[in-house]
Amino acid sequence: MFRMFMAIILALVLVYTFGQIAEEMMDFAITVDGEVLSPVIGFIVMAVVAVILVGVGFFVTVSVFGVIVLAVGAALIGIVVAGVSMFWPVLLILLFVYLVSRSKENTAH
């Protein structure tokens, strides 16, 4: 609970700080109908924009990570299928030899 509270406070401080930097250094102000919004409303608008950007970043990150995991999984499955399809006669012979040798050991006792 404490970590979530600290994360929210940190996010608010970062948004407010970047909003102040944008307003002071880049002469950035949010205007509606030619009137400059108050700092509190400007902060709320910047917070909403920041949340939207974080959501888009999360979506892109999860999508890219999902594509990488899917590609690696497909490659591994392809390698396994190719290996089994190339060496199935050898695997079949090894299985036959194992079953025959195992049955001889059981009958000898």
PDB file of N, CA and C in Angstrom:
ATOM      1  N   MET A   1       0.833  -1.186   0.000  1.00  0.00           N
ATOM      2  CA  MET A   1       0.000   0.000   0.000  1.00  0.00           C
ATOM      3  C   MET A   1       0.876   1.248   0.000  1.00  0.00           C
ATOM      4  N   PHE A   2       1.937   1.216   0.804  1.00  0.00           N
ATOM      5  CA  PHE A   2       2.830   2.356   0.891  1.00  0.00           C
ATOM      6  C   PHE A   2       3.510   2.617  -0.444  1.00  0.00           C
ATOM      7  N   ARG A   3       3.897   1.528  -1.136  1.00  0.00           N
ATOM      8  CA  ARG A   3       4.564   1.688  -2.431  1.00  0.00           C
ATOM      9  C   ARG A   3       3.627   2.316  -3.454  1.00  0.00           C
ATOM     10  N   MET A   4       2.361   1.925  -3.432  1.00  0.00           N
ATOM     11  CA  MET A   4       1.424   2.503  -4.380  1.00  0.00           C
ATOM     12  C   MET A   4       1.209   3.991  -4.075  1.00  0.00           C
ATOM     13  N   PHE A   5       1.107   4.323  -2.823  1.00  0.00           N
ATOM     14  CA  PHE A   5       0.968   5.734  -2.434  1.00  0.00           C
ATOM     15  C   PHE A   5       2.186   6.535  -2.886  1.00  0.00           C
ATOM     16  N   MET A   6       3.370   5.980  -2.693  1.00  0.00           N
ATOM     17  CA  MET A   6       4.592   6.677  -3.114  1.00  0.00           C
ATOM     18  C   MET A   6       4.650   6.799  -4.636  1.00  0.00           C
ATOM     19  N   ALA A   7       4.197   5.795  -5.359  1.00  0.00           N
ATOM     20  CA  ALA A   7       4.184   5.855  -6.816  1.00  0.00           C
ATOM     21  C   ALA A   7       3.233   6.936  -7.303  1.00  0.00           C
ATOM     22  N   ILE A   8       2.086   7.069  -6.662  1.00  0.00           N
ATOM     23  CA  ILE A   8       1.128   8.107  -7.050  1.00  0.00           C
ATOM     24  C   ILE A   8       1.702   9.491  -6.757  1.00  0.00           C
ATOM     25  N   ILE A   9       2.294   9.653  -5.600  1.00  0.00           N
ATOM     26  CA  ILE A   9       2.907  10.943  -5.255  1.00  0.00           C
ATOM     27  C   ILE A   9       4.032  11.271  -6.234  1.00  0.00           C
ATOM     28  N   LEU A  10       4.869  10.305  -6.549  1.00  0.00           N
ATOM     29  CA  LEU A  10       5.962  10.521  -7.490  1.00  0.00           C
ATOM     30  C   LEU A  10       5.428  10.894  -8.868  1.00  0.00           C
ATOM     31  N   ALA A  11       4.386  10.223  -9.316  1.00  0.00           N
ATOM     32  CA  ALA A  11       3.802  10.541 -10.618  1.00  0.00           C
ATOM     33  C   ALA A  11       3.238  11.954 -10.627  1.00  0.00           C
ATOM     34  N   LEU A  12       2.571  12.338  -9.563  1.00  0.00           N
ATOM     35  CA  LEU A  12       2.032  13.699  -9.488  1.00  0.00           C
ATOM     36  C   LEU A  12       3.143  14.749  -9.501  1.00  0.00           C
ATOM     37  N   VAL A  13       4.194  14.501  -8.752  1.00  0.00           N
ATOM     38  CA  VAL A  13       5.314  15.450  -8.717  1.00  0.00           C
ATOM     39  C   VAL A  13       5.974  15.553 -10.090  1.00  0.00           C
ATOM     40  N   LEU A  14       6.176  14.420 -10.753  1.00  0.00           N
ATOM     41  CA  LEU A  14       6.788  14.442 -12.081  1.00  0.00           C
ATOM     42  C   LEU A  14       5.920  15.183 -13.092  1.00  0.00           C
ATOM     43  N   VAL A  15       4.630  14.914 -13.078  1.00  0.00           N
ATOM     44  CA  VAL A  15       3.727  15.595 -14.013  1.00  0.00           C
ATOM     45  C   VAL A  15       3.713  17.091 -13.732  1.00  0.00           C
ATOM     46  N   TYR A  16       3.621  17.467 -12.466  1.00  0.00           N
ATOM     47  CA  TYR A  16       3.609  18.887 -12.119  1.00  0.00           C
ATOM     48  C   TYR A  16       4.922  19.553 -12.519  1.00  0.00           C
ATOM     49  N   THR A  17       6.036  18.879 -12.264  1.00  0.00           N
ATOM     50  CA  THR A  17       7.344  19.440 -12.603  1.00  0.00           C
ATOM     51  C   THR A  17       7.497  19.613 -14.106  1.00  0.00           C
ATOM     52  N   PHE A  18       7.146  18.569 -14.862  1.00  0.00           N
ATOM     53  CA  PHE A  18       7.265  18.693 -16.313  1.00  0.00           C
ATOM     54  C   PHE A  18       6.280  19.722 -16.865  1.00  0.00           C
ATOM     55  N   GLY A  19       5.135  19.865 -16.237  1.00  0.00           N
ATOM     56  CA  GLY A  19       4.187  20.904 -16.646  1.00  0.00           C
ATOM     57  C   GLY A  19       4.756  22.287 -16.404  1.00  0.00           C
ATOM     58  N   GLN A  20       5.392  22.476 -15.246  1.00  0.00           N
ATOM     59  CA  GLN A  20       6.012  23.770 -14.950  1.00  0.00           C
ATOM     60  C   GLN A  20       7.168  24.062 -15.914  1.00  0.00           C
ATOM     61  N   ILE A  21       7.972  23.032 -16.199  1.00  0.00           N
ATOM     62  CA  ILE A  21       9.083  23.217 -17.138  1.00  0.00           C
ATOM     63  C   ILE A  21       8.553  23.583 -18.519  1.00  0.00           C
ATOM     64  N   ALA A  22       7.511  22.894 -18.965  1.00  0.00           N
ATOM     65  CA  ALA A  22       6.934  23.191 -20.273  1.00  0.00           C
ATOM     66  C   ALA A  22       6.363  24.601 -20.303  1.00  0.00           C
ATOM     67  N   GLU A  23       5.733  25.007 -19.216  1.00  0.00           N
ATOM     68  CA  GLU A  23       5.123  26.332 -19.181  1.00  0.00           C
ATOM     69  C   GLU A  23       6.165  27.438 -19.097  1.00  0.00           C
ATOM     70  N   GLU A  24       7.190  27.254 -18.279  1.00  0.00           N
ATOM     71  CA  GLU A  24       8.177  28.306 -18.063  1.00  0.00           C
ATOM     72  C   GLU A  24       9.212  28.392 -19.183  1.00  0.00           C
ATOM     73  N   MET A  25       9.788  27.269 -19.546  1.00  0.00           N
ATOM     74  CA  MET A  25      10.907  27.303 -20.481  1.00  0.00           C
ATOM     75  C   MET A  25      10.469  27.357 -21.940  1.00  0.00           C
ATOM     76  N   MET A  26       9.366  26.687 -22.261  1.00  0.00           N
ATOM     77  CA  MET A  26       8.944  26.625 -23.653  1.00  0.00           C
ATOM     78  C   MET A  26       7.762  27.533 -23.932  1.00  0.00           C
ATOM     79  N   ASP A  27       7.400  28.346 -22.962  1.00  0.00           N
ATOM     80  CA  ASP A  27       6.273  29.259 -23.110  1.00  0.00           C
ATOM     81  C   ASP A  27       5.034  28.494 -23.575  1.00  0.00           C
ATOM     82  N   PHE A  28       4.780  27.392 -22.880  1.00  0.00           N
ATOM     83  CA  PHE A  28       3.663  26.514 -23.204  1.00  0.00           C
ATOM     84  C   PHE A  28       2.545  26.781 -22.213  1.00  0.00           C
ATOM     85  N   ALA A  29       1.371  27.055 -22.737  1.00  0.00           N
ATOM     86  CA  ALA A  29       0.218  27.264 -21.871  1.00  0.00           C
ATOM     87  C   ALA A  29      -1.005  26.681 -22.567  1.00  0.00           C
ATOM     88  N   ILE A  30      -1.879  26.122 -21.781  1.00  0.00           N
ATOM     89  CA  ILE A  30      -3.104  25.548 -22.323  1.00  0.00           C
ATOM     90  C   ILE A  30      -4.168  26.628 -22.324  1.00  0.00           C
ATOM     91  N   THR A  31      -4.720  26.879 -23.490  1.00  0.00           N
ATOM     92  CA  THR A  31      -5.750  27.903 -23.617  1.00  0.00           C
ATOM     93  C   THR A  31      -7.036  27.281 -24.149  1.00  0.00           C
ATOM     94  N   VAL A  32      -8.134  27.781 -23.639  1.00  0.00           N
ATOM     95  CA  VAL A  32      -9.454  27.382 -24.108  1.00  0.00           C
ATOM     96  C   VAL A  32     -10.221  28.660 -24.407  1.00  0.00           C
ATOM     97  N   ASP A  33     -10.663  28.808 -25.643  1.00  0.00           N
ATOM     98  CA  ASP A  33     -11.375  30.011 -26.087  1.00  0.00           C
ATOM     99  C   ASP A  33     -10.564  31.276 -25.835  1.00  0.00           C
ATOM    100  N   GLY A  34      -9.265  31.191 -26.032  1.00  0.00           N
ATOM    101  CA  GLY A  34      -8.393  32.356 -25.901  1.00  0.00           C
ATOM    102  C   GLY A  34      -8.010  32.694 -24.477  1.00  0.00           C
ATOM    103  N   GLU A  35      -8.474  31.950 -23.500  1.00  0.00           N
ATOM    104  CA  GLU A  35      -8.125  32.209 -22.105  1.00  0.00           C
ATOM    105  C   GLU A  35      -7.167  31.139 -21.608  1.00  0.00           C
ATOM    106  N   VAL A  36      -6.141  31.588 -20.905  1.00  0.00           N
ATOM    107  CA  VAL A  36      -5.164  30.649 -20.338  1.00  0.00           C
ATOM    108  C   VAL A  36      -5.800  29.964 -19.135  1.00  0.00           C
ATOM    109  N   LEU A  37      -5.692  28.644 -19.102  1.00  0.00           N
ATOM    110  CA  LEU A  37      -6.263  27.901 -17.987  1.00  0.00           C
ATOM    111  C   LEU A  37      -5.462  28.134 -16.713  1.00  0.00           C
ATOM    112  N   SER A  38      -6.127  27.985 -15.589  1.00  0.00           N
ATOM    113  CA  SER A  38      -5.442  28.140 -14.310  1.00  0.00           C
ATOM    114  C   SER A  38      -4.434  27.008 -14.140  1.00  0.00           C
ATOM    115  N   PRO A  39      -3.438  27.204 -13.298  1.00  0.00           N
ATOM    116  CA  PRO A  39      -2.415  26.168 -13.110  1.00  0.00           C
ATOM    117  C   PRO A  39      -2.995  24.826 -12.661  1.00  0.00           C
ATOM    118  N   VAL A  40      -4.035  24.842 -11.848  1.00  0.00           N
ATOM    119  CA  VAL A  40      -4.617  23.593 -11.369  1.00  0.00           C
ATOM    120  C   VAL A  40      -5.273  22.840 -12.524  1.00  0.00           C
ATOM    121  N   ILE A  41      -6.037  23.548 -13.347  1.00  0.00           N
ATOM    122  CA  ILE A  41      -6.686  22.893 -14.483  1.00  0.00           C
ATOM    123  C   ILE A  41      -5.634  22.479 -15.501  1.00  0.00           C
ATOM    124  N   GLY A  42      -4.606  23.304 -15.685  1.00  0.00           N
ATOM    125  CA  GLY A  42      -3.506  22.919 -16.566  1.00  0.00           C
ATOM    126  C   GLY A  42      -2.816  21.663 -16.074  1.00  0.00           C
ATOM    127  N   PHE A  43      -2.655  21.565 -14.758  1.00  0.00           N
ATOM    128  CA  PHE A  43      -2.055  20.370 -14.166  1.00  0.00           C
ATOM    129  C   PHE A  43      -2.923  19.150 -14.420  1.00  0.00           C
ATOM    130  N   ILE A  44      -4.230  19.299 -14.269  1.00  0.00           N
ATOM    131  CA  ILE A  44      -5.137  18.173 -14.499  1.00  0.00           C
ATOM    132  C   ILE A  44      -5.079  17.734 -15.955  1.00  0.00           C
ATOM    133  N   VAL A  45      -5.065  18.704 -16.877  1.00  0.00           N
ATOM    134  CA  VAL A  45      -4.982  18.370 -18.298  1.00  0.00           C
ATOM    135  C   VAL A  45      -3.668  17.666 -18.597  1.00  0.00           C
ATOM    136  N   MET A  46      -2.558  18.172 -18.063  1.00  0.00           N
ATOM    137  CA  MET A  46      -1.261  17.528 -18.280  1.00  0.00           C
ATOM    138  C   MET A  46      -1.228  16.135 -17.655  1.00  0.00           C
ATOM    139  N   ALA A  47      -1.879  15.959 -16.510  1.00  0.00           N
ATOM    140  CA  ALA A  47      -1.934  14.635 -15.882  1.00  0.00           C
ATOM    141  C   ALA A  47      -2.710  13.666 -16.755  1.00  0.00           C
ATOM    142  N   VAL A  48      -3.817  14.109 -17.334  1.00  0.00           N
ATOM    143  CA  VAL A  48      -4.599  13.241 -18.213  1.00  0.00           C
ATOM    144  C   VAL A  48      -3.781  12.874 -19.448  1.00  0.00           C
ATOM    145  N   VAL A  49      -3.082  13.857 -20.015  1.00  0.00           N
ATOM    146  CA  VAL A  49      -2.230  13.583 -21.172  1.00  0.00           C
ATOM    147  C   VAL A  49      -1.131  12.591 -20.788  1.00  0.00           C
ATOM    148  N   ALA A  50      -0.530  12.767 -19.612  1.00  0.00           N
ATOM    149  CA  ALA A  50       0.518  11.849 -19.163  1.00  0.00           C
ATOM    150  C   ALA A  50      -0.025  10.440 -18.972  1.00  0.00           C
ATOM    151  N   VAL A  51      -1.216  10.302 -18.418  1.00  0.00           N
ATOM    152  CA  VAL A  51      -1.822   8.983 -18.223  1.00  0.00           C
ATOM    153  C   VAL A  51      -2.107   8.323 -19.572  1.00  0.00           C
ATOM    154  N   ILE A  52      -2.578   9.098 -20.529  1.00  0.00           N
ATOM    155  CA  ILE A  52      -2.835   8.552 -21.865  1.00  0.00           C
ATOM    156  C   ILE A  52      -1.528   8.084 -22.495  1.00  0.00           C
ATOM    157  N   LEU A  53      -0.465   8.888 -22.369  1.00  0.00           N
ATOM    158  CA  LEU A  53       0.824   8.498 -22.935  1.00  0.00           C
ATOM    159  C   LEU A  53       1.391   7.267 -22.244  1.00  0.00           C
ATOM    160  N   VAL A  54       1.219   7.162 -20.944  1.00  0.00           N
ATOM    161  CA  VAL A  54       1.675   5.972 -20.219  1.00  0.00           C
ATOM    162  C   VAL A  54       0.885   4.750 -20.683  1.00  0.00           C
ATOM    163  N   GLY A  55      -0.416   4.905 -20.878  1.00  0.00           N
ATOM    164  CA  GLY A  55      -1.231   3.803 -21.373  1.00  0.00           C
ATOM    165  C   GLY A  55      -0.806   3.353 -22.759  1.00  0.00           C
ATOM    166  N   VAL A  56      -0.546   4.302 -23.637  1.00  0.00           N
ATOM    167  CA  VAL A  56      -0.077   3.955 -24.982  1.00  0.00           C
ATOM    168  C   VAL A  56       1.286   3.272 -24.908  1.00  0.00           C
ATOM    169  N   GLY A  57       2.175   3.787 -24.071  1.00  0.00           N
ATOM    170  CA  GLY A  57       3.485   3.158 -23.904  1.00  0.00           C
ATOM    171  C   GLY A  57       3.372   1.747 -23.361  1.00  0.00           C
ATOM    172  N   PHE A  58       2.485   1.532 -22.403  1.00  0.00           N
ATOM    173  CA  PHE A  58       2.265   0.189 -21.860  1.00  0.00           C
ATOM    174  C   PHE A  58       1.737  -0.747 -22.936  1.00  0.00           C
ATOM    175  N   PHE A  59       0.775  -0.263 -23.727  1.00  0.00           N
ATOM    176  CA  PHE A  59       0.210  -1.083 -24.790  1.00  0.00           C
ATOM    177  C   PHE A  59       1.267  -1.465 -25.821  1.00  0.00           C
ATOM    178  N   VAL A  60       2.095  -0.507 -26.211  1.00  0.00           N
ATOM    179  CA  VAL A  60       3.143  -0.783 -27.191  1.00  0.00           C
ATOM    180  C   VAL A  60       4.164  -1.763 -26.619  1.00  0.00           C
ATOM    181  N   THR A  61       4.554  -1.563 -25.367  1.00  0.00           N
ATOM    182  CA  THR A  61       5.528  -2.446 -24.732  1.00  0.00           C
ATOM    183  C   THR A  61       4.997  -3.869 -24.636  1.00  0.00           C
ATOM    184  N   VAL A  62       3.760  -4.020 -24.190  1.00  0.00           N
ATOM    185  CA  VAL A  62       3.176  -5.351 -24.060  1.00  0.00           C
ATOM    186  C   VAL A  62       3.026  -5.991 -25.440  1.00  0.00           C
ATOM    187  N   SER A  63       2.646  -5.196 -26.439  1.00  0.00           N
ATOM    188  CA  SER A  63       2.490  -5.739 -27.787  1.00  0.00           C
ATOM    189  C   SER A  63       3.827  -6.215 -28.344  1.00  0.00           C
ATOM    190  N   VAL A  64       4.855  -5.392 -28.196  1.00  0.00           N
ATOM    191  CA  VAL A  64       6.176  -5.772 -28.706  1.00  0.00           C
ATOM    192  C   VAL A  64       6.697  -6.997 -27.966  1.00  0.00           C
ATOM    193  N   PHE A  65       6.553  -7.024 -26.644  1.00  0.00           N
ATOM    194  CA  PHE A  65       7.002  -8.173 -25.861  1.00  0.00           C
ATOM    195  C   PHE A  65       6.225  -9.424 -26.254  1.00  0.00           C
ATOM    196  N   GLY A  66       4.912  -9.278 -26.461  1.00  0.00           N
ATOM    197  CA  GLY A  66       4.100 -10.417 -26.876  1.00  0.00           C
ATOM    198  C   GLY A  66       4.509 -10.954 -28.237  1.00  0.00           C
ATOM    199  N   VAL A  67       4.827 -10.056 -29.152  1.00  0.00           N
ATOM    200  CA  VAL A  67       5.266 -10.488 -30.482  1.00  0.00           C
ATOM    201  C   VAL A  67       6.605 -11.217 -30.386  1.00  0.00           C
ATOM    202  N   ILE A  68       7.506 -10.728 -29.558  1.00  0.00           N
ATOM    203  CA  ILE A  68       8.808 -11.385 -29.399  1.00  0.00           C
ATOM    204  C   ILE A  68       8.627 -12.783 -28.800  1.00  0.00           C
ATOM    205  N   VAL A  69       7.804 -12.901 -27.768  1.00  0.00           N
ATOM    206  CA  VAL A  69       7.564 -14.208 -27.148  1.00  0.00           C
ATOM    207  C   VAL A  69       6.906 -15.152 -28.149  1.00  0.00           C
ATOM    208  N   LEU A  70       5.937 -14.649 -28.913  1.00  0.00           N
ATOM    209  CA  LEU A  70       5.278 -15.480 -29.908  1.00  0.00           C
ATOM    210  C   LEU A  70       6.257 -15.934 -30.990  1.00  0.00           C
ATOM    211  N   ALA A  71       7.127 -15.044 -31.443  1.00  0.00           N
ATOM    212  CA  ALA A  71       8.093 -15.398 -32.483  1.00  0.00           C
ATOM    213  C   ALA A  71       9.097 -16.435 -31.975  1.00  0.00           C
ATOM    214  N   VAL A  72       9.584 -16.255 -30.757  1.00  0.00           N
ATOM    215  CA  VAL A  72      10.536 -17.216 -30.190  1.00  0.00           C
ATOM    216  C   VAL A  72       9.862 -18.575 -29.996  1.00  0.00           C
ATOM    217  N   GLY A  73       8.628 -18.567 -29.502  1.00  0.00           N
ATOM    218  CA  GLY A  73       7.896 -19.828 -29.334  1.00  0.00           C
ATOM    219  C   GLY A  73       7.655 -20.532 -30.660  1.00  0.00           C
ATOM    220  N   ALA A  74       7.268 -19.776 -31.681  1.00  0.00           N
ATOM    221  CA  ALA A  74       7.034 -20.372 -33.004  1.00  0.00           C
ATOM    222  C   ALA A  74       8.330 -20.936 -33.576  1.00  0.00           C
ATOM    223  N   ALA A  75       9.447 -20.226 -33.380  1.00  0.00           N
ATOM    224  CA  ALA A  75      10.731 -20.723 -33.876  1.00  0.00           C
ATOM    225  C   ALA A  75      11.124 -22.019 -33.168  1.00  0.00           C
ATOM    226  N   LEU A  76      10.943 -22.077 -31.856  1.00  0.00           N
ATOM    227  CA  LEU A  76      11.283 -23.300 -31.116  1.00  0.00           C
ATOM    228  C   LEU A  76      10.398 -24.475 -31.532  1.00  0.00           C
ATOM    229  N   ILE A  77       9.115 -24.215 -31.691  1.00  0.00           N
ATOM    230  CA  ILE A  77       8.220 -25.289 -32.136  1.00  0.00           C
ATOM    231  C   ILE A  77       8.599 -25.739 -33.539  1.00  0.00           C
ATOM    232  N   GLY A  78       8.956 -24.794 -34.399  1.00  0.00           N
ATOM    233  CA  GLY A  78       9.390 -25.149 -35.756  1.00  0.00           C
ATOM    234  C   GLY A  78      10.649 -25.995 -35.754  1.00  0.00           C
ATOM    235  N   ILE A  79      11.595 -25.657 -34.890  1.00  0.00           N
ATOM    236  CA  ILE A  79      12.837 -26.430 -34.809  1.00  0.00           C
ATOM    237  C   ILE A  79      12.549 -27.845 -34.296  1.00  0.00           C
ATOM    238  N   VAL A  80      11.693 -27.958 -33.291  1.00  0.00           N
ATOM    239  CA  VAL A  80      11.353 -29.278 -32.752  1.00  0.00           C
ATOM    240  C   VAL A  80      10.636 -30.119 -33.804  1.00  0.00           C
ATOM    241  N   VAL A  81       9.672 -29.523 -34.499  1.00  0.00           N
ATOM    242  CA  VAL A  81       8.938 -30.262 -35.528  1.00  0.00           C
ATOM    243  C   VAL A  81       9.870 -30.669 -36.668  1.00  0.00           C
ATOM    244  N   ALA A  82      10.765 -29.764 -37.072  1.00  0.00           N
ATOM    245  CA  ALA A  82      11.713 -30.095 -38.137  1.00  0.00           C
ATOM    246  C   ALA A  82      12.654 -31.216 -37.696  1.00  0.00           C
ATOM    247  N   GLY A  83      13.112 -31.171 -36.469  1.00  0.00           N
ATOM    248  CA  GLY A  83      14.000 -32.216 -35.959  1.00  0.00           C
ATOM    249  C   GLY A  83      13.322 -33.563 -35.902  1.00  0.00           C
ATOM    250  N   VAL A  84      12.085 -33.581 -35.396  1.00  0.00           N
ATOM    251  CA  VAL A  84      11.356 -34.845 -35.310  1.00  0.00           C
ATOM    252  C   VAL A  84      11.040 -35.365 -36.714  1.00  0.00           C
ATOM    253  N   SER A  85      10.669 -34.471 -37.624  1.00  0.00           N
ATOM    254  CA  SER A  85      10.326 -34.936 -38.970  1.00  0.00           C
ATOM    255  C   SER A  85      11.552 -35.423 -39.739  1.00  0.00           C
ATOM    256  N   MET A  86      12.724 -34.875 -39.428  1.00  0.00           N
ATOM    257  CA  MET A  86      13.941 -35.328 -40.115  1.00  0.00           C
ATOM    258  C   MET A  86      14.449 -36.644 -39.547  1.00  0.00           C
ATOM    259  N   PHE A  87      14.347 -36.822 -38.242  1.00  0.00           N
ATOM    260  CA  PHE A  87      14.974 -37.968 -37.602  1.00  0.00           C
ATOM    261  C   PHE A  87      13.963 -38.983 -37.089  1.00  0.00           C
ATOM    262  N   TRP A  88      12.712 -38.978 -37.575  1.00  0.00           N
ATOM    263  CA  TRP A  88      11.743 -39.920 -37.046  1.00  0.00           C
ATOM    264  C   TRP A  88      12.125 -41.371 -37.320  1.00  0.00           C
ATOM    265  N   PRO A  89      12.767 -41.699 -38.457  1.00  0.00           N
ATOM    266  CA  PRO A  89      13.161 -43.107 -38.598  1.00  0.00           C
ATOM    267  C   PRO A  89      14.183 -43.525 -37.542  1.00  0.00           C
ATOM    268  N   VAL A  90      15.128 -42.656 -37.242  1.00  0.00           N
ATOM    269  CA  VAL A  90      16.138 -42.967 -36.227  1.00  0.00           C
ATOM    270  C   VAL A  90      15.467 -43.105 -34.865  1.00  0.00           C
ATOM    271  N   LEU A  91      14.545 -42.190 -34.556  1.00  0.00           N
ATOM    272  CA  LEU A  91      13.843 -42.272 -33.277  1.00  0.00           C
ATOM    273  C   LEU A  91      13.015 -43.547 -33.176  1.00  0.00           C
ATOM    274  N   LEU A  92      12.399 -43.932 -34.274  1.00  0.00           N
ATOM    275  CA  LEU A  92      11.613 -45.162 -34.294  1.00  0.00           C
ATOM    276  C   LEU A  92      12.496 -46.391 -34.091  1.00  0.00           C
ATOM    277  N   ILE A  93      13.662 -46.427 -34.738  1.00  0.00           N
ATOM    278  CA  ILE A  93      14.594 -47.548 -34.581  1.00  0.00           C
ATOM    279  C   ILE A  93      15.121 -47.604 -33.148  1.00  0.00           C
ATOM    280  N   LEU A  94      15.470 -46.434 -32.584  1.00  0.00           N
ATOM    281  CA  LEU A  94      15.943 -46.409 -31.200  1.00  0.00           C
ATOM    282  C   LEU A  94      14.865 -46.895 -30.232  1.00  0.00           C
ATOM    283  N   LEU A  95      13.627 -46.509 -30.461  1.00  0.00           N
ATOM    284  CA  LEU A  95      12.533 -46.978 -29.622  1.00  0.00           C
ATOM    285  C   LEU A  95      12.357 -48.492 -29.757  1.00  0.00           C
ATOM    286  N   PHE A  96      12.445 -48.996 -30.956  1.00  0.00           N
ATOM    287  CA  PHE A  96      12.319 -50.439 -31.194  1.00  0.00           C
ATOM    288  C   PHE A  96      13.443 -51.199 -30.499  1.00  0.00           C
ATOM    289  N   VAL A  97      14.685 -50.702 -30.647  1.00  0.00           N
ATOM    290  CA  VAL A  97      15.832 -51.353 -30.000  1.00  0.00           C
ATOM    291  C   VAL A  97      15.671 -51.325 -28.487  1.00  0.00           C
ATOM    292  N   TYR A  98      15.213 -50.215 -27.948  1.00  0.00           N
ATOM    293  CA  TYR A  98      15.008 -50.106 -26.508  1.00  0.00           C
ATOM    294  C   TYR A  98      13.953 -51.109 -26.042  1.00  0.00           C
ATOM    295  N   LEU A  99      12.840 -51.191 -26.751  1.00  0.00           N
ATOM    296  CA  LEU A  99      11.782 -52.118 -26.351  1.00  0.00           C
ATOM    297  C   LEU A  99      12.226 -53.567 -26.471  1.00  0.00           C
ATOM    298  N   VAL A 100      12.964 -53.896 -27.511  1.00  0.00           N
ATOM    299  CA  VAL A 100      13.435 -55.270 -27.688  1.00  0.00           C
ATOM    300  C   VAL A 100      14.461 -55.622 -26.624  1.00  0.00           C
ATOM    301  N   SER A 101      15.405 -54.725 -26.373  1.00  0.00           N
ATOM    302  CA  SER A 101      16.443 -55.020 -25.370  1.00  0.00           C
ATOM    303  C   SER A 101      15.850 -55.071 -23.967  1.00  0.00           C
ATOM    304  N   ARG A 102      14.849 -54.280 -23.705  1.00  0.00           N
ATOM    305  CA  ARG A 102      14.219 -54.280 -22.393  1.00  0.00           C
ATOM    306  C   ARG A 102      13.437 -55.573 -22.180  1.00  0.00           C
ATOM    307  N   SER A 103      12.769 -56.040 -23.198  1.00  0.00           N
ATOM    308  CA  SER A 103      11.984 -57.263 -23.036  1.00  0.00           C
ATOM    309  C   SER A 103      12.900 -58.472 -22.868  1.00  0.00           C
ATOM    310  N   LYS A 104      14.081 -58.471 -23.463  1.00  0.00           N
ATOM    311  CA  LYS A 104      15.016 -59.588 -23.286  1.00  0.00           C
ATOM    312  C   LYS A 104      15.556 -59.611 -21.856  1.00  0.00           C
ATOM    313  N   GLU A 105      15.815 -58.432 -21.285  1.00  0.00           N
ATOM    314  CA  GLU A 105      16.319 -58.391 -19.923  1.00  0.00           C
ATOM    315  C   GLU A 105      15.249 -58.895 -18.934  1.00  0.00           C
ATOM    316  N   ASN A 106      13.992 -58.582 -19.177  1.00  0.00           N
ATOM    317  CA  ASN A 106      12.911 -59.018 -18.285  1.00  0.00           C
ATOM    318  C   ASN A 106      12.689 -60.526 -18.380  1.00  0.00           C
ATOM    319  N   THR A 107      12.822 -61.133 -19.545  1.00  0.00           N
ATOM    320  CA  THR A 107      12.605 -62.571 -19.684  1.00  0.00           C
ATOM    321  C   THR A 107      13.777 -63.370 -19.164  1.00  0.00           C
ATOM    322  N   ALA A 108      14.987 -62.818 -19.115  1.00  0.00           N
ATOM    323  CA  ALA A 108      16.170 -63.534 -18.629  1.00  0.00           C
ATOM    324  C   ALA A 108      16.097 -63.746 -17.122  1.00  0.00           C
ATOM    325  N   HIS A 109      15.437 -62.883 -16.405  1.00  0.00           N
ATOM    326  CA  HIS A 109      15.379 -63.020 -14.946  1.00  0.00           C
ATOM    327  C   HIS A 109      14.382 -64.025 -14.626  1.00  0.00           C
TER     328      HIS A 109
END
